[in-house]
Amino acid sequence: MNRVCGSVGDTTHGIELNKKVFKLVSWYDNEWGYSCRTVDPLTALEGCRRG
């Protein structure tokens, strides 16, 4: 997939179990998406250090 998001929601597989409960399905790219998400906190920390 090679998407930078952490996961992609699959709207074709989600179902309503009752009026208050839904089953959602999400797919993720275990390597690329995770790598992109681990950069987020590092970037935030860098911004805090610079003030």
Protein backbone atom coordinates (compact mmCIF):
# COMPACT_ATOMS: atom_id res chain seq x y z
CA MET A 1 0.00 0.00 0.00
CA ASN A 2 2.78 2.46 0.92
CA ARG A 3 0.42 5.06 2.40
CA VAL A 4 1.69 7.45 5.06
CA CYS A 5 -1.48 7.11 7.18
CA GLY A 6 -1.50 4.64 10.07
CA SER A 7 -4.42 2.67 8.63
CA VAL A 8 -7.12 2.80 5.97
CA GLY A 9 -10.77 2.21 6.87
CA ASP A 10 -12.59 -0.34 4.73
CA THR A 11 -16.16 0.92 4.34
CA THR A 12 -17.24 -2.20 2.45
CA HIS A 13 -16.67 -4.51 5.45
CA GLY A 14 -18.08 -2.50 8.37
CA ILE A 15 -21.43 -3.65 9.71
CA GLU A 16 -24.01 -2.37 12.21
CA LEU A 17 -24.44 -4.93 14.98
CA ASN A 18 -27.21 -2.94 16.68
CA LYS A 19 -28.21 0.74 17.03
CA LYS A 20 -25.23 1.49 19.31
CA VAL A 21 -22.52 -0.91 18.14
CA PHE A 22 -20.70 -0.98 14.81
CA LYS A 23 -17.98 -3.33 13.60
CA LEU A 24 -15.27 -1.44 11.70
CA VAL A 25 -12.46 -2.89 9.61
CA SER A 26 -9.17 -1.09 9.09
CA TRP A 27 -6.12 -2.19 7.09
CA TYR A 28 -2.59 -1.04 7.72
CA ASP A 29 0.79 -1.32 6.03
CA ASN A 30 2.89 -2.72 8.84
CA GLU A 31 6.22 -1.29 7.68
CA TRP A 32 5.75 1.99 5.83
CA GLY A 33 2.75 3.32 7.75
CA TYR A 34 4.36 2.49 11.10
CA SER A 35 7.61 4.15 10.08
CA CYS A 36 5.78 7.32 9.08
CA ARG A 37 3.83 7.37 12.35
CA THR A 38 6.98 6.97 14.49
CA VAL A 39 8.35 10.16 12.94
CA ASP A 40 5.35 12.19 14.23
CA PRO A 41 6.31 12.23 17.95
CA LEU A 42 9.95 12.86 17.08
CA THR A 43 8.94 15.88 15.01
CA ALA A 44 6.73 17.13 17.87
CA LEU A 45 9.58 16.74 20.36
CA GLU A 46 11.91 18.64 18.07
CA GLY A 47 9.38 21.48 17.93
CA CYS A 48 9.23 21.57 21.75
CA ARG A 49 13.00 21.81 22.03
CA ARG A 50 13.15 24.78 19.69
CA GLY A 51 10.51 26.56 21.77
